[in-house]
Amino acid sequence: MKIFLVQLSASLMFFSAFLLSADSLDDIYKLGPDSLPQDGVPKGAVTGPLTHASQVFPDTTRHYWVYVPAQYDAASPARLMVFQDGHAFVSLDGAYRIPNVLDNLIYRREMPITICVFINPGRLPHQKESSSSDWGDRINTRPKEYNELNDHYAQMIVDELIPTLKNDFNISDAPNDRAIGGASSGAICAFTVAWHRTDAFRKVISTIGSFTNIRGGHVYPELIRNSEKKPIRVFIQEGMNDNRGKRRGGKYDPEWDWYLQNRKMVEALTEKGYDLNYSFGIGTHSNKHGGAMMPEMLRWIWRDYPRPTDDPMDDANRQLLDVKMEDELE
């Protein structure tokens, strides 16, 4: 009995140390000022949750939120960005806090005036809406919508959601004016939308992307190599201690190794000459690294949006984009 208790105690100490180690690996990534509210920065308005009922996925509904920057003017088409698992990205006390980031970057003209949609996965009438306390694949239709490689989810976004948005907002039709992003299964989902619909989206942000064999996503690296290069710009973030393919019984399966599969994505995209940026940190399957660097990812994704003038003698487009200033410039 004494030996058993010593062994049990040692096992518990090891497990506790593992948890502490995993937590500390992610906790080294901190949100910076770009992700926090700043004095004097005009705040955009967030509306929602609204509800979208899909025809592509019959009998499903999902919540979504719409961010409109303070500088938006219906006379000029705004850019568009869409985040999957919307509740996690719209939250102002979570890992990403995207409304704060957009407020700050748009104010400094580090990205264009952009309307942002935060959309949850769908659910059937008997299923739960995703929330900060439960947003995995067990509670609703997230696995089907996010992890399958067909164009069904892209159809819902492009052919259902965007027309609804355009009833209320002036949104650019140019695919280079649209970006889509997500985390984990929401990340592979974002890439799949752009992969199928380059006519609608050509910018992708992927954090801890599930390019693994949940529903065949591990084939993307070879699919990229064997397909004609598409006009997609991609930023990939991943952690070296993400899920490393250990299955039941301790057996290793490379098709379930998140870090390995993200490395393969980078290699394939690089070989094909895609417009690619990436960052591999030391974290786990956590949103903290992606949240900490999200402002820089957005700057990079939108780095070449057109400016009205580059005249060195005219600094009008090199000032902070205050609402009052924007009115005066018109």
Protein backbone atom coordinates (compact mmCIF):
# COMPACT_ATOMS: atom_id res chain seq x y z
CA MET A 1 0.00 0.00 0.00
CA LYS A 2 2.82 2.37 0.91
CA ILE A 3 4.54 1.75 -2.42
CA PHE A 4 1.25 2.31 -4.27
CA LEU A 5 0.67 5.63 -2.49
CA VAL A 6 4.20 6.78 -3.27
CA GLN A 7 3.71 5.87 -6.91
CA LEU A 8 0.32 7.59 -6.99
CA SER A 9 1.78 10.69 -5.37
CA ALA A 10 4.61 10.74 -7.90
CA SER A 11 2.14 10.38 -10.76
CA LEU A 12 0.02 13.23 -9.46
CA MET A 13 3.12 15.41 -9.04
CA PHE A 14 4.14 14.64 -12.63
CA PHE A 15 0.63 15.41 -13.93
CA SER A 16 0.51 18.67 -11.97
CA ALA A 17 3.94 19.62 -13.25
CA PHE A 18 2.79 18.89 -16.81
CA LEU A 19 -0.24 21.13 -16.41
CA LEU A 20 1.86 23.88 -14.89
CA SER A 21 4.38 23.56 -17.71
CA ALA A 22 1.66 23.70 -20.39
CA ASP A 23 0.02 26.70 -18.75
CA SER A 24 3.32 28.53 -18.38
CA LEU A 25 4.23 27.87 -22.01
CA ASP A 26 1.09 29.68 -23.13
CA ASP A 27 1.13 32.35 -20.45
CA ILE A 28 4.39 33.79 -21.75
CA TYR A 29 2.29 35.31 -24.56
CA LYS A 30 0.70 38.56 -23.37
CA LEU A 31 -1.72 40.92 -25.03
CA GLY A 32 -0.13 44.21 -26.02
CA PRO A 33 -1.60 47.72 -26.21
CA ASP A 34 -2.94 47.12 -29.72
CA SER A 35 -5.40 44.61 -28.23
CA LEU A 36 -6.59 46.86 -25.42
CA PRO A 37 -8.82 49.97 -25.38
CA GLN A 38 -6.87 53.20 -25.84
CA ASP A 39 -7.90 56.70 -24.85
CA GLY A 40 -9.00 58.89 -27.72
CA VAL A 41 -9.48 56.04 -30.20
CA PRO A 42 -12.92 56.07 -31.87
CA LYS A 43 -14.80 52.89 -31.02
CA GLY A 44 -16.64 50.86 -33.57
CA ALA A 45 -20.10 49.47 -32.88
CA VAL A 46 -20.78 45.77 -32.39
CA THR A 47 -24.29 44.52 -33.11
CA GLY A 48 -25.47 41.10 -32.04
CA PRO A 49 -25.92 38.35 -31.48
CA LEU A 50 -27.95 38.14 -34.65
CA THR A 51 -29.18 34.83 -36.05
CA HIS A 52 -28.56 33.32 -39.46
CA ALA A 53 -30.66 30.35 -40.61
CA SER A 54 -28.87 28.49 -43.39
CA GLN A 55 -30.31 26.81 -46.45
CA VAL A 56 -26.99 25.13 -47.22
CA PHE A 57 -27.11 23.43 -43.80
CA PRO A 58 -30.86 22.78 -43.40
CA ASP A 59 -32.50 23.28 -40.01
CA THR A 60 -29.43 24.98 -38.55
CA THR A 61 -29.07 28.43 -37.06
CA ARG A 62 -26.02 30.24 -35.74
CA HIS A 63 -25.31 33.46 -33.91
CA TYR A 64 -23.19 36.18 -35.45
CA TRP A 65 -22.03 39.67 -34.56
CA VAL A 66 -21.17 42.59 -36.85
CA TYR A 67 -18.47 45.16 -36.09
CA VAL A 68 -18.72 48.49 -37.90
CA PRO A 69 -15.80 50.91 -37.43
CA ALA A 70 -16.53 54.44 -36.31
CA GLN A 71 -14.99 55.73 -39.55
CA TYR A 72 -17.30 53.71 -41.82
CA ASP A 73 -19.05 55.81 -44.46
CA ALA A 74 -21.72 54.16 -46.59
CA ALA A 75 -20.61 56.29 -49.54
CA SER A 76 -17.42 54.22 -49.84
CA PRO A 77 -17.20 50.41 -49.91
CA ALA A 78 -15.63 48.91 -46.79
CA ARG A 79 -13.40 45.88 -46.69
CA LEU A 80 -14.77 42.72 -45.10
CA MET A 81 -13.34 40.25 -42.62
CA VAL A 82 -14.99 37.11 -41.24
CA PHE A 83 -13.95 35.12 -38.16
CA GLN A 84 -15.24 31.62 -37.42
CA ASP A 85 -16.11 30.71 -33.78
CA GLY A 86 -17.29 34.29 -33.62
CA HIS A 87 -18.00 34.45 -29.90
CA ALA A 88 -14.29 33.86 -29.14
CA PHE A 89 -13.05 36.66 -31.40
CA VAL A 90 -15.68 39.29 -30.60
CA SER A 91 -15.26 38.94 -26.84
CA LEU A 92 -13.49 41.83 -25.10
CA ASP A 93 -12.14 39.67 -22.28
CA GLY A 94 -10.87 36.71 -24.31
CA ALA A 95 -7.63 35.88 -26.11
CA TYR A 96 -8.27 37.91 -29.29
CA ARG A 97 -10.42 40.99 -28.52
CA ILE A 98 -10.71 41.80 -32.20
CA PRO A 99 -12.97 44.89 -31.84
CA ASN A 100 -10.22 46.58 -29.81
CA VAL A 101 -7.59 45.58 -32.36
CA LEU A 102 -9.65 46.92 -35.25
CA ASP A 103 -10.36 50.18 -33.43
CA ASN A 104 -6.65 50.77 -32.87
CA LEU A 105 -5.32 49.69 -36.26
CA ILE A 106 -7.97 51.49 -38.30
CA TYR A 107 -7.42 54.66 -36.26
CA ARG A 108 -3.70 54.54 -37.11
CA ARG A 109 -4.36 53.68 -40.78
CA GLU A 110 -2.48 50.41 -40.33
CA MET A 111 -5.37 48.58 -41.96
CA PRO A 112 -8.31 49.79 -44.04
CA ILE A 113 -11.82 50.58 -42.88
CA THR A 114 -13.16 47.07 -42.43
CA ILE A 115 -16.52 45.62 -41.43
CA CYS A 116 -15.95 42.44 -39.46
CA VAL A 117 -18.34 39.53 -38.95
CA PHE A 118 -17.92 37.06 -36.11
CA ILE A 119 -19.96 33.95 -36.86
CA ASN A 120 -20.54 30.83 -34.78
CA PRO A 121 -20.91 27.30 -36.16
CA GLY A 122 -24.42 26.11 -36.73
CA ARG A 123 -26.62 24.07 -34.46
CA LEU A 124 -29.72 21.97 -34.92
CA PRO A 125 -32.78 22.81 -32.79
CA HIS A 126 -31.83 20.28 -30.10
CA GLN A 127 -28.18 21.36 -29.95
CA LYS A 128 -26.32 24.05 -28.00
CA GLU A 129 -24.98 27.35 -29.28
CA SER A 130 -21.20 27.62 -29.02
CA SER A 131 -19.99 29.76 -26.12
CA SER A 132 -16.81 30.66 -24.29
CA SER A 133 -17.38 27.75 -21.91
CA ASP A 134 -18.01 25.16 -24.63
CA TRP A 135 -17.11 25.61 -28.29
CA GLY A 136 -15.67 22.28 -29.34
CA ASP A 137 -16.97 19.70 -31.80
CA ARG A 138 -19.23 17.79 -29.44
CA ILE A 139 -22.20 20.12 -29.10
CA ASN A 140 -23.34 21.20 -32.57
CA THR A 141 -22.61 20.97 -36.31
CA ARG A 142 -19.12 22.49 -36.04
CA PRO A 143 -17.30 19.30 -37.18
CA LYS A 144 -19.30 19.05 -40.39
CA GLU A 145 -19.16 22.74 -41.22
CA TYR A 146 -15.55 23.44 -40.29
CA ASN A 147 -13.55 20.26 -40.90
CA GLU A 148 -14.89 18.92 -44.19
CA LEU A 149 -13.05 20.01 -47.32
CA ASN A 150 -16.06 20.55 -49.58
CA ASP A 151 -17.41 23.97 -50.56
CA HIS A 152 -20.62 23.86 -48.52
CA TYR A 153 -19.52 26.26 -45.79
CA ALA A 154 -18.08 28.59 -48.42
CA GLN A 155 -21.48 28.61 -50.11
CA MET A 156 -23.14 29.64 -46.86
CA ILE A 157 -20.71 32.50 -46.26
CA VAL A 158 -20.55 33.79 -49.84
CA ASP A 159 -24.07 33.11 -51.10
CA GLU A 160 -26.11 33.56 -47.92
CA LEU A 161 -24.32 35.67 -45.32
CA ILE A 162 -22.64 38.28 -47.52
CA PRO A 163 -25.85 39.18 -49.42
CA THR A 164 -27.54 39.67 -46.05
CA LEU A 165 -24.74 41.98 -44.94
CA LYS A 166 -24.88 43.94 -48.19
CA ASN A 167 -28.51 44.79 -47.50
CA ASP A 168 -27.24 47.03 -44.70
CA PHE A 169 -23.65 47.91 -45.60
CA ASN A 170 -21.60 48.99 -48.59
CA ILE A 171 -19.05 46.16 -48.84
CA SER A 172 -16.43 45.84 -51.55
CA ASP A 173 -16.92 43.05 -54.07
CA ALA A 174 -13.19 42.76 -54.77
CA PRO A 175 -11.82 39.47 -53.41
CA ASN A 176 -8.56 41.15 -52.37
CA ASP A 177 -10.66 43.37 -50.10
CA ARG A 178 -11.85 40.38 -48.07
CA ALA A 179 -10.15 38.31 -45.40
CA ILE A 180 -11.25 35.29 -43.39
CA GLY A 181 -9.76 33.73 -40.29
CA GLY A 182 -10.19 31.39 -37.39
CA ALA A 183 -8.57 29.16 -34.80
CA SER A 184 -8.17 25.38 -34.75
CA SER A 185 -10.99 23.89 -36.85
CA GLY A 186 -12.12 27.45 -37.57
CA ALA A 187 -8.73 28.03 -39.19
CA ILE A 188 -8.87 25.13 -41.64
CA CYS A 189 -12.44 26.23 -42.32
CA ALA A 190 -11.22 29.73 -43.23
CA PHE A 191 -8.58 28.30 -45.56
CA THR A 192 -11.17 26.04 -47.20
CA VAL A 193 -13.44 29.00 -47.90
CA ALA A 194 -10.63 30.87 -49.69
CA TRP A 195 -9.47 27.68 -51.42
CA HIS A 196 -12.89 27.14 -53.00
CA ARG A 197 -13.93 30.77 -53.45
CA THR A 198 -10.98 32.90 -54.50
CA ASP A 199 -13.59 34.99 -56.28
CA ALA A 200 -14.77 36.11 -52.82
CA PHE A 201 -11.82 35.80 -50.35
CA ARG A 202 -8.07 35.98 -50.91
CA LYS A 203 -6.68 36.62 -47.43
CA VAL A 204 -6.52 34.00 -44.65
CA ILE A 205 -5.42 34.07 -41.01
CA SER A 206 -4.91 30.67 -39.37
CA THR A 207 -4.11 30.20 -35.68
CA ILE A 208 -3.40 26.68 -34.32
CA GLY A 209 -5.03 25.37 -37.50
CA SER A 210 -6.46 21.83 -37.53
CA PHE A 211 -4.94 20.71 -40.84
CA THR A 212 -5.22 17.17 -39.51
CA ASN A 213 -7.23 14.07 -40.21
CA ILE A 214 -10.36 15.07 -38.33
CA ARG A 215 -12.26 14.80 -41.60
CA GLY A 216 -9.45 14.55 -44.12
CA GLY A 217 -7.73 17.90 -43.62
CA HIS A 218 -4.28 16.29 -43.54
CA VAL A 219 -4.37 16.09 -47.37
CA TYR A 220 -4.07 19.84 -47.87
CA PRO A 221 -0.26 19.97 -48.25
CA GLU A 222 -0.31 17.50 -51.14
CA LEU A 223 -3.45 19.09 -52.55
CA ILE A 224 -1.66 22.44 -52.58
CA ARG A 225 1.36 20.93 -54.33
CA ASN A 226 -0.73 19.18 -56.95
CA SER A 227 -3.08 22.08 -57.72
CA GLU A 228 -2.60 25.25 -59.69
CA LYS A 229 -1.42 28.07 -57.44
CA LYS A 230 -4.32 30.16 -56.16
CA PRO A 231 -4.18 33.93 -55.46
CA ILE A 232 -4.39 33.52 -51.67
CA ARG A 233 -2.35 35.33 -48.99
CA VAL A 234 -1.93 33.27 -45.80
CA PHE A 235 -0.61 33.88 -42.28
CA ILE A 236 -0.15 30.70 -40.20
CA GLN A 237 0.49 30.64 -36.44
CA GLU A 238 1.20 27.43 -34.55
CA GLY A 239 2.79 26.14 -31.35
CA MET A 240 5.48 23.49 -31.10
CA ASN A 241 3.61 21.92 -28.17
CA ASP A 242 0.24 21.75 -29.89
CA ASN A 243 -1.43 18.32 -30.06
CA ARG A 244 1.42 16.07 -31.23
CA GLY A 245 -0.46 13.07 -32.58
CA LYS A 246 -0.54 10.83 -29.53
CA ARG A 247 -3.63 8.67 -29.85
CA ARG A 248 -5.19 6.12 -27.54
CA GLY A 249 -2.67 3.72 -26.12
CA GLY A 250 0.15 6.18 -26.78
CA LYS A 251 0.40 5.35 -30.48
CA TYR A 252 1.73 8.19 -32.63
CA ASP A 253 -0.24 9.20 -35.70
CA PRO A 254 1.45 11.88 -37.84
CA GLU A 255 -1.88 12.74 -39.47
CA TRP A 256 -3.07 13.92 -36.04
CA ASP A 257 0.05 15.94 -35.25
CA TRP A 258 -1.09 19.57 -35.35
CA TYR A 259 2.43 21.01 -35.33
CA LEU A 260 3.71 18.64 -38.02
CA GLN A 261 0.72 19.30 -40.28
CA ASN A 262 1.13 23.06 -39.97
CA ARG A 263 4.80 22.70 -40.86
CA LYS A 264 3.74 20.70 -43.92
CA MET A 265 1.30 23.45 -44.87
CA VAL A 266 4.08 26.04 -44.70
CA GLU A 267 6.41 23.85 -46.77
CA ALA A 268 3.77 23.23 -49.45
CA LEU A 269 2.68 26.87 -49.66
CA THR A 270 6.31 27.97 -49.84
CA GLU A 271 7.14 25.51 -52.63
CA LYS A 272 4.21 26.78 -54.69
CA GLY A 273 5.19 30.40 -54.17
CA TYR A 274 2.21 31.57 -52.12
CA ASP A 275 2.21 34.94 -50.38
CA LEU A 276 2.91 33.43 -46.96
CA ASN A 277 3.95 34.47 -43.48
CA TYR A 278 4.11 32.23 -40.43
CA SER A 279 5.14 32.05 -36.78
CA PHE A 280 5.85 28.90 -34.79
CA GLY A 281 5.97 29.54 -31.06
CA ILE A 282 6.39 27.24 -28.09
CA GLY A 283 2.75 27.11 -27.01
CA THR A 284 0.11 24.39 -26.88
CA HIS A 285 -3.34 24.21 -28.49
CA SER A 286 -4.06 27.61 -27.01
CA ASN A 287 -5.26 30.94 -28.39
CA LYS A 288 -2.83 33.02 -26.34
CA HIS A 289 0.01 33.18 -28.88
CA GLY A 290 -2.37 33.88 -31.75
CA GLY A 291 -4.15 36.52 -29.70
CA ALA A 292 -0.92 38.25 -28.72
CA MET A 293 0.26 38.54 -32.32
CA MET A 294 -3.10 39.13 -34.00
CA PRO A 295 -2.46 42.88 -34.50
CA GLU A 296 0.71 42.11 -36.44
CA MET A 297 -1.04 39.42 -38.48
CA LEU A 298 -3.71 41.93 -39.45
CA ARG A 299 -1.11 44.54 -40.40
CA TRP A 300 0.61 42.00 -42.62
CA ILE A 301 -2.57 40.67 -44.24
CA TRP A 302 -3.70 44.21 -45.11
CA ARG A 303 -0.22 45.61 -45.75
CA ASP A 304 -0.81 46.78 -49.31
CA TYR A 305 -4.28 48.30 -49.16
CA PRO A 306 -4.35 51.32 -51.49
CA ARG A 307 -3.92 54.82 -50.13
CA PRO A 308 -5.39 57.90 -51.86
CA THR A 309 -1.99 59.55 -52.16
CA ASP A 310 1.68 58.98 -51.39
CA ASP A 311 2.56 62.63 -52.04
CA PRO A 312 5.36 63.51 -49.58
CA MET A 313 4.09 67.09 -49.53
CA ASP A 314 0.56 66.04 -48.53
CA ASP A 315 0.32 64.36 -45.13
CA ALA A 316 -3.48 64.13 -45.08
CA ASN A 317 -3.35 60.35 -45.42
CA ARG A 318 -0.61 60.03 -42.82
CA GLN A 319 -2.65 61.31 -39.91
CA LEU A 320 -4.72 59.41 -37.37
CA LEU A 321 -8.06 58.43 -38.85
CA ASP A 322 -10.33 60.26 -36.45
CA VAL A 323 -14.02 60.40 -37.29
CA LYS A 324 -14.00 64.20 -37.41
CA MET A 325 -10.89 64.26 -39.58
CA GLU A 326 -12.42 61.79 -42.00
CA ASP A 327 -15.47 64.05 -42.34
CA GLU A 328 -13.26 67.05 -43.05
CA LEU A 329 -11.30 65.20 -45.74
CA GLU A 330 -14.41 64.38 -47.76
